[in-house]
Amino acid sequence: FSPPNSKWRGKVKMLPRINFLEPIIVEIFDANGKPSRLMIEPFLEGKYEKFNDNMGYVKAVSTQLSVIAEEEDGDSSFDNDSFGDGGITSSSHSNLLCKDLDDKYIPQAFSHYSYEKSNERFMVVDLQGVLTPNSDGTKSYSLTDPVIHTHRQQNEKRNPVWKFGRTDRGMKGIKAFFDSHVCTDVCRLLRLQEHSM
């Protein structure tokens, strides 16, 4: 991802990164030699939150959707940087500026991004974990136990058996996400398309 200019490169650099915990699987044996497997992950310190799930739930972040503002003549707080070069392209949107790149929008934008960047084959949802500050002033989401929905029609020719367990709801889950997802400035900055299914 390449932001359109240096002003936005600085903002993007400060956006939280997404990291998934890497679990280990431990096999233990009872007194009779029967094996059991445990999945162990590092402990997450901080406020644990669920940001979305595999059934279309999206954590309520705001009842106001005024995340974009049109540039006004004489507005000196923002320069003339617009996203008409590949993101928002219609003439009616050519003066829109991203003014709200709040951390709370990152998990939803990540789910949306995962769908588009996989050529609409997969979507990563059920995002849950903690947002933690890093020593360099940046932040990162440490997430655990994600779900992947597969677009089975898109995958039939490549690998018809792709299914990620019982929580993979396929197109039903992808549709549920887009039914509740509202694109924010983070989606627009990433040049993601709005989807209606």
C-alpha atoms as a PDB file:
ATOM      1  CA  PHE A   1       0.000   0.000   0.000  1.00  0.00           C
ATOM      2  CA  SER A   2       1.407   3.346  -1.033  1.00  0.00           C
ATOM      3  CA  PRO A   3      -0.284   6.483   0.308  1.00  0.00           C
ATOM      4  CA  PRO A   4      -0.665   9.270  -2.248  1.00  0.00           C
ATOM      5  CA  ASN A   5       1.678  11.787  -0.594  1.00  0.00           C
ATOM      6  CA  SER A   6       3.997  12.411   2.343  1.00  0.00           C
ATOM      7  CA  LYS A   7       1.285  13.887   4.592  1.00  0.00           C
ATOM      8  CA  TRP A   8      -0.658  10.622   4.452  1.00  0.00           C
ATOM      9  CA  ARG A   9       2.441   8.435   4.646  1.00  0.00           C
ATOM     10  CA  GLY A  10       3.075   9.886   8.115  1.00  0.00           C
ATOM     11  CA  LYS A  11      -0.511   9.197   9.200  1.00  0.00           C
ATOM     12  CA  VAL A  12      -0.428   5.653   7.839  1.00  0.00           C
ATOM     13  CA  LYS A  13       2.843   4.962   9.652  1.00  0.00           C
ATOM     14  CA  MET A  14       1.109   5.745  12.959  1.00  0.00           C
ATOM     15  CA  LEU A  15      -1.940   3.523  12.314  1.00  0.00           C
ATOM     16  CA  PRO A  16      -2.001   0.366  14.457  1.00  0.00           C
ATOM     17  CA  ARG A  17      -0.629  -2.802  12.929  1.00  0.00           C
ATOM     18  CA  ILE A  18      -2.440  -6.144  13.095  1.00  0.00           C
ATOM     19  CA  ASN A  19      -0.626  -9.113  14.619  1.00  0.00           C
ATOM     20  CA  PHE A  20      -2.050 -12.563  15.284  1.00  0.00           C
ATOM     21  CA  LEU A  21      -0.827 -14.653  18.176  1.00  0.00           C
ATOM     22  CA  GLU A  22       1.039 -17.781  17.177  1.00  0.00           C
ATOM     23  CA  PRO A  23      -0.294 -20.708  19.175  1.00  0.00           C
ATOM     24  CA  ILE A  24       1.622 -23.842  19.985  1.00  0.00           C
ATOM     25  CA  ILE A  25       0.058 -27.277  20.174  1.00  0.00           C
ATOM     26  CA  VAL A  26       1.047 -29.450  23.100  1.00  0.00           C
ATOM     27  CA  GLU A  27       0.273 -33.151  23.191  1.00  0.00           C
ATOM     28  CA  ILE A  28      -0.099 -34.663  26.638  1.00  0.00           C
ATOM     29  CA  PHE A  29      -0.826 -38.242  27.631  1.00  0.00           C
ATOM     30  CA  ASP A  30      -3.015 -39.454  30.452  1.00  0.00           C
ATOM     31  CA  ALA A  31      -2.092 -42.370  32.747  1.00  0.00           C
ATOM     32  CA  ASN A  32      -3.365 -44.873  30.149  1.00  0.00           C
ATOM     33  CA  GLY A  33      -1.290 -43.333  27.346  1.00  0.00           C
ATOM     34  CA  LYS A  34      -4.287 -41.697  25.643  1.00  0.00           C
ATOM     35  CA  PRO A  35      -3.182 -38.426  23.975  1.00  0.00           C
ATOM     36  CA  SER A  36      -4.897 -35.066  24.327  1.00  0.00           C
ATOM     37  CA  ARG A  37      -3.924 -31.909  22.465  1.00  0.00           C
ATOM     38  CA  LEU A  38      -3.965 -28.408  23.865  1.00  0.00           C
ATOM     39  CA  MET A  39      -3.533 -25.163  21.988  1.00  0.00           C
ATOM     40  CA  ILE A  40      -1.636 -22.583  24.020  1.00  0.00           C
ATOM     41  CA  GLU A  41      -1.239 -18.891  23.241  1.00  0.00           C
ATOM     42  CA  PRO A  42       0.604 -16.111  25.048  1.00  0.00           C
ATOM     43  CA  PHE A  43      -1.425 -14.163  27.598  1.00  0.00           C
ATOM     44  CA  LEU A  44      -2.791 -10.871  26.250  1.00  0.00           C
ATOM     45  CA  GLU A  45      -2.397  -7.979  28.669  1.00  0.00           C
ATOM     46  CA  GLY A  46      -4.758  -5.041  28.395  1.00  0.00           C
ATOM     47  CA  LYS A  47      -8.437  -4.522  27.639  1.00  0.00           C
ATOM     48  CA  TYR A  48      -9.643  -7.586  25.733  1.00  0.00           C
ATOM     49  CA  GLU A  49     -12.298  -6.706  23.146  1.00  0.00           C
ATOM     50  CA  LYS A  50     -14.280  -8.434  20.417  1.00  0.00           C
ATOM     51  CA  PHE A  51     -14.282  -6.246  17.287  1.00  0.00           C
ATOM     52  CA  ASN A  52     -16.372  -8.427  14.974  1.00  0.00           C
ATOM     53  CA  ASP A  53     -17.514 -12.034  14.703  1.00  0.00           C
ATOM     54  CA  ASN A  54     -18.302 -14.611  12.038  1.00  0.00           C
ATOM     55  CA  MET A  55     -22.056 -13.902  12.134  1.00  0.00           C
ATOM     56  CA  GLY A  56     -21.991 -10.220  11.087  1.00  0.00           C
ATOM     57  CA  TYR A  57     -21.545  -8.545  14.484  1.00  0.00           C
ATOM     58  CA  VAL A  58     -19.482  -5.362  14.308  1.00  0.00           C
ATOM     59  CA  LYS A  59     -18.534  -3.585  17.507  1.00  0.00           C
ATOM     60  CA  ALA A  60     -20.459  -0.319  17.703  1.00  0.00           C
ATOM     61  CA  VAL A  61     -17.930   2.442  17.358  1.00  0.00           C
ATOM     62  CA  SER A  62     -20.095   5.464  16.666  1.00  0.00           C
ATOM     63  CA  THR A  63     -23.631   6.410  15.815  1.00  0.00           C
ATOM     64  CA  GLN A  64     -22.342   9.278  13.700  1.00  0.00           C
ATOM     65  CA  LEU A  65     -20.958   8.467  10.295  1.00  0.00           C
ATOM     66  CA  SER A  66     -19.468  11.863   9.530  1.00  0.00           C
ATOM     67  CA  VAL A  67     -15.992  10.477   8.971  1.00  0.00           C
ATOM     68  CA  ILE A  68     -15.327  12.419   5.770  1.00  0.00           C
ATOM     69  CA  ALA A  69     -15.680  16.122   5.268  1.00  0.00           C
ATOM     70  CA  GLU A  70     -15.587  18.133   2.085  1.00  0.00           C
ATOM     71  CA  GLU A  71     -12.809  20.665   1.882  1.00  0.00           C
ATOM     72  CA  GLU A  72     -14.079  24.191   2.287  1.00  0.00           C
ATOM     73  CA  ASP A  73     -12.601  27.204   0.533  1.00  0.00           C
ATOM     74  CA  GLY A  74     -10.083  28.875   2.786  1.00  0.00           C
ATOM     75  CA  ASP A  75      -9.747  25.902   5.131  1.00  0.00           C
ATOM     76  CA  SER A  76      -6.109  26.240   6.123  1.00  0.00           C
ATOM     77  CA  SER A  77      -6.004  23.277   8.485  1.00  0.00           C
ATOM     78  CA  PHE A  78      -5.681  20.834   5.574  1.00  0.00           C
ATOM     79  CA  ASP A  79      -3.787  21.177   2.333  1.00  0.00           C
ATOM     80  CA  ASN A  80      -5.137  20.179  -1.074  1.00  0.00           C
ATOM     81  CA  ASP A  81      -4.384  16.463  -0.786  1.00  0.00           C
ATOM     82  CA  SER A  82      -7.241  14.398  -2.194  1.00  0.00           C
ATOM     83  CA  PHE A  83      -7.567  10.751  -3.074  1.00  0.00           C
ATOM     84  CA  GLY A  84      -8.729  11.134  -6.671  1.00  0.00           C
ATOM     85  CA  ASP A  85      -5.687   9.197  -7.927  1.00  0.00           C
ATOM     86  CA  GLY A  86      -6.916   5.654  -7.464  1.00  0.00           C
ATOM     87  CA  GLY A  87      -9.117   5.623  -4.410  1.00  0.00           C
ATOM     88  CA  ILE A  88     -12.199   7.780  -4.714  1.00  0.00           C
ATOM     89  CA  THR A  89     -12.497   8.575  -8.386  1.00  0.00           C
ATOM     90  CA  SER A  90     -15.919   9.981  -9.175  1.00  0.00           C
ATOM     91  CA  SER A  91     -16.007  13.729  -9.687  1.00  0.00           C
ATOM     92  CA  SER A  92     -18.534  14.162  -6.887  1.00  0.00           C
ATOM     93  CA  HIS A  93     -15.958  12.757  -4.442  1.00  0.00           C
ATOM     94  CA  SER A  94     -12.821  14.413  -5.783  1.00  0.00           C
ATOM     95  CA  ASN A  95     -12.653  16.964  -2.933  1.00  0.00           C
ATOM     96  CA  LEU A  96     -13.109  14.494  -0.083  1.00  0.00           C
ATOM     97  CA  LEU A  97     -10.347  14.324   2.474  1.00  0.00           C
ATOM     98  CA  CYS A  98      -9.741  11.711   5.110  1.00  0.00           C
ATOM     99  CA  LYS A  99      -9.974  13.460   8.456  1.00  0.00           C
ATOM    100  CA  ASP A 100     -10.803  10.564  10.767  1.00  0.00           C
ATOM    101  CA  LEU A 101      -8.289   7.736  10.830  1.00  0.00           C
ATOM    102  CA  ASP A 102      -9.270   6.529  14.286  1.00  0.00           C
ATOM    103  CA  ASP A 103      -7.755   3.299  15.648  1.00  0.00           C
ATOM    104  CA  LYS A 104     -11.220   1.868  16.306  1.00  0.00           C
ATOM    105  CA  TYR A 105     -11.841   1.474  12.563  1.00  0.00           C
ATOM    106  CA  ILE A 106      -8.758  -0.682  11.898  1.00  0.00           C
ATOM    107  CA  PRO A 107     -10.204  -4.160  12.688  1.00  0.00           C
ATOM    108  CA  GLN A 108     -13.240  -3.698  10.410  1.00  0.00           C
ATOM    109  CA  ALA A 109     -11.072  -2.289   7.632  1.00  0.00           C
ATOM    110  CA  PHE A 110      -8.735  -5.285   8.027  1.00  0.00           C
ATOM    111  CA  SER A 111     -11.615  -7.732   7.494  1.00  0.00           C
ATOM    112  CA  HIS A 112     -12.683  -5.756   4.421  1.00  0.00           C
ATOM    113  CA  TYR A 113      -9.054  -5.612   3.187  1.00  0.00           C
ATOM    114  CA  SER A 114      -8.614  -9.374   3.602  1.00  0.00           C
ATOM    115  CA  TYR A 115     -11.559  -9.972   1.262  1.00  0.00           C
ATOM    116  CA  GLU A 116     -10.339  -7.647  -1.465  1.00  0.00           C
ATOM    117  CA  LYS A 117      -6.661  -8.597  -1.293  1.00  0.00           C
ATOM    118  CA  SER A 118      -7.546 -12.305  -1.578  1.00  0.00           C
ATOM    119  CA  ASN A 119      -9.396 -11.532  -4.829  1.00  0.00           C
ATOM    120  CA  GLU A 120     -12.690 -12.040  -2.999  1.00  0.00           C
ATOM    121  CA  ARG A 121     -11.804 -15.624  -2.059  1.00  0.00           C
ATOM    122  CA  PHE A 122     -11.429 -15.269   1.725  1.00  0.00           C
ATOM    123  CA  MET A 123     -12.339 -12.981   4.597  1.00  0.00           C
ATOM    124  CA  VAL A 124     -10.727 -12.891   8.050  1.00  0.00           C
ATOM    125  CA  VAL A 125     -13.276 -12.123  10.778  1.00  0.00           C
ATOM    126  CA  ASP A 126     -13.995 -12.871  14.439  1.00  0.00           C
ATOM    127  CA  LEU A 127     -11.325 -10.359  15.354  1.00  0.00           C
ATOM    128  CA  GLN A 128     -10.700 -10.186  19.093  1.00  0.00           C
ATOM    129  CA  GLY A 129      -7.816  -9.178  21.273  1.00  0.00           C
ATOM    130  CA  VAL A 130      -6.116  -6.071  22.644  1.00  0.00           C
ATOM    131  CA  LEU A 131      -4.771  -2.786  21.325  1.00  0.00           C
ATOM    132  CA  THR A 132      -1.363  -2.123  22.864  1.00  0.00           C
ATOM    133  CA  PRO A 133       1.067   0.786  22.654  1.00  0.00           C
ATOM    134  CA  ASN A 134       4.577   0.030  21.413  1.00  0.00           C
ATOM    135  CA  SER A 135       7.797   1.610  22.716  1.00  0.00           C
ATOM    136  CA  ASP A 136       8.281   3.568  19.452  1.00  0.00           C
ATOM    137  CA  GLY A 137       4.972   5.429  19.874  1.00  0.00           C
ATOM    138  CA  THR A 138       3.016   3.230  17.463  1.00  0.00           C
ATOM    139  CA  LYS A 139       0.253   0.812  18.447  1.00  0.00           C
ATOM    140  CA  SER A 140      -0.645  -2.703  17.433  1.00  0.00           C
ATOM    141  CA  TYR A 141      -3.605  -4.990  17.697  1.00  0.00           C
ATOM    142  CA  SER A 142      -2.703  -8.409  19.081  1.00  0.00           C
ATOM    143  CA  LEU A 143      -5.504 -10.681  17.925  1.00  0.00           C
ATOM    144  CA  THR A 144      -6.384 -14.282  18.626  1.00  0.00           C
ATOM    145  CA  ASP A 145      -8.613 -17.049  17.292  1.00  0.00           C
ATOM    146  CA  PRO A 146      -9.666 -15.593  13.910  1.00  0.00           C
ATOM    147  CA  VAL A 147     -12.181 -17.178  11.556  1.00  0.00           C
ATOM    148  CA  ILE A 148     -11.702 -17.374   7.795  1.00  0.00           C
ATOM    149  CA  HIS A 149     -14.750 -17.387   5.549  1.00  0.00           C
ATOM    150  CA  THR A 150     -14.251 -18.852   2.076  1.00  0.00           C
ATOM    151  CA  HIS A 151     -16.050 -17.737  -1.058  1.00  0.00           C
ATOM    152  CA  ARG A 152     -16.645 -21.255  -2.298  1.00  0.00           C
ATOM    153  CA  GLN A 153     -17.737 -20.247  -5.814  1.00  0.00           C
ATOM    154  CA  GLN A 154     -14.504 -18.271  -6.274  1.00  0.00           C
ATOM    155  CA  ASN A 155     -12.469 -21.250  -5.003  1.00  0.00           C
ATOM    156  CA  GLU A 156     -14.222 -24.141  -6.808  1.00  0.00           C
ATOM    157  CA  LYS A 157     -11.752 -24.309  -9.694  1.00  0.00           C
ATOM    158  CA  ARG A 158      -8.607 -23.746  -7.630  1.00  0.00           C
ATOM    159  CA  ASN A 159      -9.310 -25.891  -4.606  1.00  0.00           C
ATOM    160  CA  PRO A 160     -12.855 -27.147  -4.078  1.00  0.00           C
ATOM    161  CA  VAL A 161     -12.127 -28.521  -0.599  1.00  0.00           C
ATOM    162  CA  TRP A 162     -11.046 -25.260   1.023  1.00  0.00           C
ATOM    163  CA  LYS A 163     -13.035 -24.877   4.193  1.00  0.00           C
ATOM    164  CA  PHE A 164     -11.704 -23.566   7.459  1.00  0.00           C
ATOM    165  CA  GLY A 165     -13.640 -25.572  10.009  1.00  0.00           C
ATOM    166  CA  ARG A 166     -17.157 -25.320  11.303  1.00  0.00           C
ATOM    167  CA  THR A 167     -16.948 -21.550  11.903  1.00  0.00           C
ATOM    168  CA  ASP A 168     -16.334 -20.895   8.180  1.00  0.00           C
ATOM    169  CA  ARG A 169     -19.762 -19.690   7.080  1.00  0.00           C
ATOM    170  CA  GLY A 170     -18.700 -19.135   3.467  1.00  0.00           C
ATOM    171  CA  MET A 171     -20.649 -16.544   1.482  1.00  0.00           C
ATOM    172  CA  LYS A 172     -23.264 -16.356   4.240  1.00  0.00           C
ATOM    173  CA  GLY A 173     -20.599 -15.031   6.617  1.00  0.00           C
ATOM    174  CA  ILE A 174     -19.076 -12.688   4.029  1.00  0.00           C
ATOM    175  CA  LYS A 175     -22.523 -11.275   3.240  1.00  0.00           C
ATOM    176  CA  ALA A 176     -23.279 -10.876   6.964  1.00  0.00           C
ATOM    177  CA  PHE A 177     -20.079  -8.835   7.373  1.00  0.00           C
ATOM    178  CA  PHE A 178     -20.897  -6.505   4.480  1.00  0.00           C
ATOM    179  CA  ASP A 179     -24.516  -6.160   5.637  1.00  0.00           C
ATOM    180  CA  SER A 180     -23.264  -4.602   8.884  1.00  0.00           C
ATOM    181  CA  HIS A 181     -19.955  -3.008   7.797  1.00  0.00           C
ATOM    182  CA  VAL A 182     -19.862   0.712   7.059  1.00  0.00           C
ATOM    183  CA  CYS A 183     -16.751   1.859   5.211  1.00  0.00           C
ATOM    184  CA  THR A 184     -14.763   4.504   7.060  1.00  0.00           C
ATOM    185  CA  ASP A 185     -11.852   6.720   6.127  1.00  0.00           C
ATOM    186  CA  VAL A 186      -9.521   3.787   6.813  1.00  0.00           C
ATOM    187  CA  CYS A 187     -11.271   1.777   4.067  1.00  0.00           C
ATOM    188  CA  ARG A 188     -11.058   4.763   1.732  1.00  0.00           C
ATOM    189  CA  LEU A 189      -7.385   5.307   2.508  1.00  0.00           C
ATOM    190  CA  LEU A 190      -6.772   1.649   1.639  1.00  0.00           C
ATOM    191  CA  ARG A 191      -8.775   2.203  -1.567  1.00  0.00           C
ATOM    192  CA  LEU A 192     -11.265  -0.525  -0.708  1.00  0.00           C
ATOM    193  CA  GLN A 193     -14.489  -0.806  -2.677  1.00  0.00           C
ATOM    194  CA  GLU A 194     -17.907  -0.810  -1.073  1.00  0.00           C
ATOM    195  CA  HIS A 195     -19.698  -4.138  -1.521  1.00  0.00           C
ATOM    196  CA  SER A 196     -23.403  -4.845  -1.535  1.00  0.00           C
ATOM    197  CA  MET A 197     -24.428  -8.488  -1.654  1.00  0.00           C
END
